[in-house]
Amino acid sequence: MRKIKQVIIFLFTIFIVSACNTNSNQVVNKNKDFKTAIFAGGCFWCMEHPF
């Protein structure tokens, strides 16, 4: 039972480490004319009125 617990902890640790994003040199859109709008709010019918 102890061996299984150690294996699960090891696999979980490997998963967490591999999920971390170490690439800090991400491509950024330098086009100043391009704008992004992100809206979040409940259902479609509740958000229809503001637009």
N, C-alpha and C. Protein backbone atom coordinates (compact mmCIF):
# COMPACT_ATOMS: atom_id res chain seq x y z
N MET A 1 0.83 -1.20 0.00
CA MET A 1 0.00 0.00 0.00
C MET A 1 0.87 1.26 0.00
N ARG A 2 1.96 1.22 0.75
CA ARG A 2 2.86 2.37 0.81
C ARG A 2 3.51 2.63 -0.55
N LYS A 3 3.83 1.55 -1.25
CA LYS A 3 4.46 1.67 -2.57
C LYS A 3 3.50 2.33 -3.56
N ILE A 4 2.24 1.97 -3.51
CA ILE A 4 1.24 2.57 -4.41
C ILE A 4 1.10 4.06 -4.11
N LYS A 5 1.09 4.42 -2.84
CA LYS A 5 0.97 5.82 -2.46
C LYS A 5 2.17 6.62 -2.98
N GLN A 6 3.36 6.06 -2.87
CA GLN A 6 4.56 6.73 -3.37
C GLN A 6 4.51 6.91 -4.89
N VAL A 7 4.04 5.90 -5.59
CA VAL A 7 3.94 5.98 -7.05
C VAL A 7 2.92 7.04 -7.45
N ILE A 8 1.80 7.09 -6.78
CA ILE A 8 0.77 8.09 -7.09
C ILE A 8 1.31 9.50 -6.82
N ILE A 9 1.99 9.70 -5.72
CA ILE A 9 2.57 11.01 -5.42
C ILE A 9 3.62 11.38 -6.46
N PHE A 10 4.44 10.43 -6.86
CA PHE A 10 5.45 10.68 -7.88
C PHE A 10 4.81 11.07 -9.21
N LEU A 11 3.80 10.33 -9.64
CA LEU A 11 3.13 10.64 -10.91
C LEU A 11 2.43 11.99 -10.84
N PHE A 12 1.81 12.29 -9.73
CA PHE A 12 1.15 13.59 -9.56
C PHE A 12 2.17 14.72 -9.63
N THR A 13 3.32 14.53 -9.00
CA THR A 13 4.38 15.54 -9.04
C THR A 13 4.89 15.74 -10.46
N ILE A 14 5.10 14.67 -11.19
CA ILE A 14 5.55 14.76 -12.58
C ILE A 14 4.50 15.49 -13.41
N PHE A 15 3.23 15.20 -13.19
CA PHE A 15 2.16 15.87 -13.93
C PHE A 15 2.16 17.37 -13.65
N ILE A 16 2.27 17.76 -12.41
CA ILE A 16 2.27 19.18 -12.04
C ILE A 16 3.48 19.90 -12.63
N VAL A 17 4.64 19.29 -12.55
CA VAL A 17 5.85 19.91 -13.09
C VAL A 17 5.75 20.05 -14.60
N SER A 18 5.22 19.04 -15.28
CA SER A 18 5.11 19.12 -16.74
C SER A 18 4.04 20.10 -17.18
N ALA A 19 3.07 20.39 -16.32
CA ALA A 19 2.01 21.33 -16.67
C ALA A 19 2.45 22.78 -16.52
N CYS A 20 3.53 23.02 -15.82
CA CYS A 20 4.03 24.39 -15.64
C CYS A 20 4.57 24.91 -16.97
N ASN A 21 4.25 26.13 -17.26
CA ASN A 21 4.72 26.75 -18.50
C ASN A 21 6.03 27.46 -18.21
N THR A 22 7.11 26.93 -18.77
CA THR A 22 8.42 27.54 -18.54
C THR A 22 8.83 28.45 -19.69
N ASN A 23 8.03 28.53 -20.73
CA ASN A 23 8.36 29.36 -21.88
C ASN A 23 7.83 30.77 -21.63
N SER A 24 8.69 31.68 -21.24
CA SER A 24 8.26 33.05 -20.99
C SER A 24 8.40 33.93 -22.22
N ASN A 25 8.89 33.39 -23.32
CA ASN A 25 9.06 34.15 -24.55
C ASN A 25 7.89 33.91 -25.50
N GLN A 26 6.72 34.18 -25.05
CA GLN A 26 5.54 33.97 -25.87
C GLN A 26 5.42 35.07 -26.90
N VAL A 27 4.86 34.71 -28.05
CA VAL A 27 4.69 35.67 -29.13
C VAL A 27 3.56 36.62 -28.76
N VAL A 28 3.82 37.90 -28.86
CA VAL A 28 2.83 38.92 -28.55
C VAL A 28 2.48 39.62 -29.85
N ASN A 29 1.18 39.82 -30.07
CA ASN A 29 0.73 40.51 -31.28
C ASN A 29 1.10 41.98 -31.16
N LYS A 30 1.93 42.45 -32.06
CA LYS A 30 2.41 43.83 -32.00
C LYS A 30 1.57 44.76 -32.86
N ASN A 31 0.52 44.25 -33.49
CA ASN A 31 -0.34 45.06 -34.33
C ASN A 31 -1.21 45.95 -33.43
N LYS A 32 -1.02 47.24 -33.50
CA LYS A 32 -1.75 48.17 -32.63
C LYS A 32 -3.20 48.36 -33.06
N ASP A 33 -3.53 48.01 -34.31
CA ASP A 33 -4.90 48.16 -34.79
C ASP A 33 -5.81 47.02 -34.34
N PHE A 34 -5.22 45.96 -33.84
CA PHE A 34 -5.98 44.78 -33.45
C PHE A 34 -6.36 44.89 -31.98
N LYS A 35 -7.65 44.78 -31.70
CA LYS A 35 -8.12 44.86 -30.32
C LYS A 35 -8.94 43.62 -30.00
N THR A 36 -8.86 43.18 -28.79
CA THR A 36 -9.58 42.01 -28.34
C THR A 36 -10.52 42.41 -27.21
N ALA A 37 -11.75 41.95 -27.32
CA ALA A 37 -12.72 42.17 -26.26
C ALA A 37 -13.17 40.82 -25.73
N ILE A 38 -13.12 40.65 -24.44
CA ILE A 38 -13.55 39.41 -23.81
C ILE A 38 -14.67 39.76 -22.85
N PHE A 39 -15.82 39.14 -23.08
CA PHE A 39 -16.99 39.39 -22.24
C PHE A 39 -17.36 38.10 -21.52
N ALA A 40 -17.70 38.24 -20.27
CA ALA A 40 -18.13 37.09 -19.50
C ALA A 40 -19.36 37.48 -18.71
N GLY A 41 -20.35 36.64 -18.77
CA GLY A 41 -21.54 36.91 -17.99
C GLY A 41 -22.58 35.86 -18.27
N GLY A 42 -23.16 35.31 -17.32
CA GLY A 42 -24.24 34.33 -17.36
C GLY A 42 -24.65 33.78 -18.70
N CYS A 43 -25.93 33.67 -18.89
CA CYS A 43 -26.46 33.06 -20.10
C CYS A 43 -26.55 34.09 -21.24
N PHE A 44 -26.82 33.59 -22.43
CA PHE A 44 -26.91 34.45 -23.61
C PHE A 44 -28.01 35.49 -23.44
N TRP A 45 -29.15 35.10 -22.92
CA TRP A 45 -30.28 36.02 -22.84
C TRP A 45 -30.01 37.17 -21.89
N CYS A 46 -29.22 36.94 -20.85
CA CYS A 46 -28.88 38.02 -19.91
C CYS A 46 -27.86 38.98 -20.50
N MET A 47 -27.06 38.53 -21.43
CA MET A 47 -26.02 39.36 -22.03
C MET A 47 -26.45 39.97 -23.36
N GLU A 48 -27.60 39.59 -23.86
CA GLU A 48 -28.06 40.11 -25.15
C GLU A 48 -28.36 41.61 -25.06
N HIS A 49 -28.97 42.04 -23.99
CA HIS A 49 -29.38 43.44 -23.84
C HIS A 49 -28.21 44.43 -23.92
N PRO A 50 -27.07 44.20 -23.23
CA PRO A 50 -25.98 45.18 -23.30
C PRO A 50 -25.39 45.37 -24.70
N PHE A 51 -25.61 44.41 -25.59
CA PHE A 51 -25.02 44.51 -26.91
C PHE A 51 -26.07 44.77 -27.96
